[in-house]
Amino acid sequence: MSMGFIVGPLVVFMIFVAPLWLILHYRSKKLSSEGLSGEDHQKLQDLVVRAEQMQQRIVTLERILDAEAPQWRGRQ
């Protein structure tokens, strides 16, 4: 009697869920192994440029703060 409660869901899992799960898993593995697409590569390059600009702005801001308020680094 208790085997019926286990066998039914197990059969449904093995027929429907497991194959779909495997197909989706290996499809995502294939897509991730292909690397970045052209659009993704361009977005990454744009982010690199923005990060470099932000770094330059931070350095400039720190230079200004060092000149105007030398103790700013010690404050918490």
C-alpha atoms as a PDB file:
ATOM      1  CA  MET A   1       0.000   0.000   0.000  1.00  0.00           C
ATOM      2  CA  SER A   2       2.733   2.466   0.899  1.00  0.00           C
ATOM      3  CA  MET A   3       4.679   1.605  -2.259  1.00  0.00           C
ATOM      4  CA  GLY A   4       1.896   3.124  -4.379  1.00  0.00           C
ATOM      5  CA  PHE A   5       2.449   6.514  -2.805  1.00  0.00           C
ATOM      6  CA  ILE A   6       6.123   6.410  -3.747  1.00  0.00           C
ATOM      7  CA  VAL A   7       5.943   4.745  -7.163  1.00  0.00           C
ATOM      8  CA  GLY A   8       3.436   7.186  -8.710  1.00  0.00           C
ATOM      9  CA  PRO A   9       5.382  10.403  -8.071  1.00  0.00           C
ATOM     10  CA  LEU A  10       8.639   8.626  -8.881  1.00  0.00           C
ATOM     11  CA  VAL A  11       7.330   7.558 -12.300  1.00  0.00           C
ATOM     12  CA  VAL A  12       6.054  11.062 -13.039  1.00  0.00           C
ATOM     13  CA  PHE A  13       9.422  12.493 -12.005  1.00  0.00           C
ATOM     14  CA  MET A  14      11.393  10.062 -14.166  1.00  0.00           C
ATOM     15  CA  ILE A  15       9.181  10.537 -17.242  1.00  0.00           C
ATOM     16  CA  PHE A  16       8.616  14.305 -17.203  1.00  0.00           C
ATOM     17  CA  VAL A  17      10.790  16.187 -14.746  1.00  0.00           C
ATOM     18  CA  ALA A  18      14.163  14.441 -15.036  1.00  0.00           C
ATOM     19  CA  PRO A  19      14.494  14.654 -18.848  1.00  0.00           C
ATOM     20  CA  LEU A  20      13.416  18.300 -18.881  1.00  0.00           C
ATOM     21  CA  TRP A  21      15.827  19.043 -16.052  1.00  0.00           C
ATOM     22  CA  LEU A  22      18.716  17.380 -17.908  1.00  0.00           C
ATOM     23  CA  ILE A  23      17.927  19.144 -21.189  1.00  0.00           C
ATOM     24  CA  LEU A  24      17.809  22.558 -19.540  1.00  0.00           C
ATOM     25  CA  HIS A  25      20.943  21.862 -17.505  1.00  0.00           C
ATOM     26  CA  TYR A  26      23.091  20.859 -20.476  1.00  0.00           C
ATOM     27  CA  ARG A  27      21.690  23.666 -22.638  1.00  0.00           C
ATOM     28  CA  SER A  28      22.741  26.208 -20.008  1.00  0.00           C
ATOM     29  CA  LYS A  29      26.173  24.550 -19.759  1.00  0.00           C
ATOM     30  CA  LYS A  30      26.580  24.839 -23.523  1.00  0.00           C
ATOM     31  CA  LEU A  31      25.595  28.516 -23.536  1.00  0.00           C
ATOM     32  CA  SER A  32      27.953  29.349 -20.687  1.00  0.00           C
ATOM     33  CA  SER A  33      30.860  27.534 -22.323  1.00  0.00           C
ATOM     34  CA  GLU A  34      30.499  29.563 -25.526  1.00  0.00           C
ATOM     35  CA  GLY A  35      31.696  32.690 -23.766  1.00  0.00           C
ATOM     36  CA  LEU A  36      30.475  36.233 -24.170  1.00  0.00           C
ATOM     37  CA  SER A  37      28.332  37.288 -27.091  1.00  0.00           C
ATOM     38  CA  GLY A  38      29.219  40.393 -29.074  1.00  0.00           C
ATOM     39  CA  GLU A  39      26.649  42.449 -27.204  1.00  0.00           C
ATOM     40  CA  ASP A  40      27.874  41.185 -23.818  1.00  0.00           C
ATOM     41  CA  HIS A  41      31.465  41.953 -24.780  1.00  0.00           C
ATOM     42  CA  GLN A  42      30.492  45.507 -25.761  1.00  0.00           C
ATOM     43  CA  LYS A  43      28.615  46.004 -22.474  1.00  0.00           C
ATOM     44  CA  LEU A  44      31.673  44.767 -20.581  1.00  0.00           C
ATOM     45  CA  GLN A  45      33.926  47.192 -22.448  1.00  0.00           C
ATOM     46  CA  ASP A  46      31.534  50.053 -21.639  1.00  0.00           C
ATOM     47  CA  LEU A  47      31.618  49.089 -17.973  1.00  0.00           C
ATOM     48  CA  VAL A  48      35.421  49.043 -18.023  1.00  0.00           C
ATOM     49  CA  VAL A  49      35.491  52.569 -19.477  1.00  0.00           C
ATOM     50  CA  ARG A  50      32.997  53.799 -16.882  1.00  0.00           C
ATOM     51  CA  ALA A  51      34.994  52.191 -14.067  1.00  0.00           C
ATOM     52  CA  GLU A  52      38.182  53.893 -15.254  1.00  0.00           C
ATOM     53  CA  GLN A  53      36.388  57.250 -15.403  1.00  0.00           C
ATOM     54  CA  MET A  54      35.022  56.711 -11.906  1.00  0.00           C
ATOM     55  CA  GLN A  55      38.503  55.827 -10.634  1.00  0.00           C
ATOM     56  CA  GLN A  56      39.874  59.076 -12.086  1.00  0.00           C
ATOM     57  CA  ARG A  57      37.083  61.042 -10.426  1.00  0.00           C
ATOM     58  CA  ILE A  58      37.775  59.383  -7.071  1.00  0.00           C
ATOM     59  CA  VAL A  59      41.484  60.204  -7.309  1.00  0.00           C
ATOM     60  CA  THR A  60      40.653  63.825  -8.143  1.00  0.00           C
ATOM     61  CA  LEU A  61      38.185  64.039  -5.257  1.00  0.00           C
ATOM     62  CA  GLU A  62      40.738  62.587  -2.835  1.00  0.00           C
ATOM     63  CA  ARG A  63      43.333  65.097  -4.037  1.00  0.00           C
ATOM     64  CA  ILE A  64      40.896  67.981  -3.439  1.00  0.00           C
ATOM     65  CA  LEU A  65      39.961  66.669  -0.003  1.00  0.00           C
ATOM     66  CA  ASP A  66      43.631  66.203   0.927  1.00  0.00           C
ATOM     67  CA  ALA A  67      44.280  69.844   0.040  1.00  0.00           C
ATOM     68  CA  GLU A  68      41.224  71.309   1.770  1.00  0.00           C
ATOM     69  CA  ALA A  69      40.709  68.959   4.734  1.00  0.00           C
ATOM     70  CA  PRO A  70      43.853  66.912   5.457  1.00  0.00           C
ATOM     71  CA  GLN A  71      42.233  65.048   8.386  1.00  0.00           C
ATOM     72  CA  TRP A  72      39.328  63.657   6.345  1.00  0.00           C
ATOM     73  CA  ARG A  73      40.857  60.175   6.116  1.00  0.00           C
ATOM     74  CA  GLY A  74      41.024  59.786   9.894  1.00  0.00           C
ATOM     75  CA  ARG A  75      37.364  60.614  10.492  1.00  0.00           C
ATOM     76  CA  GLN A  76      34.830  57.858  10.980  1.00  0.00           C
END
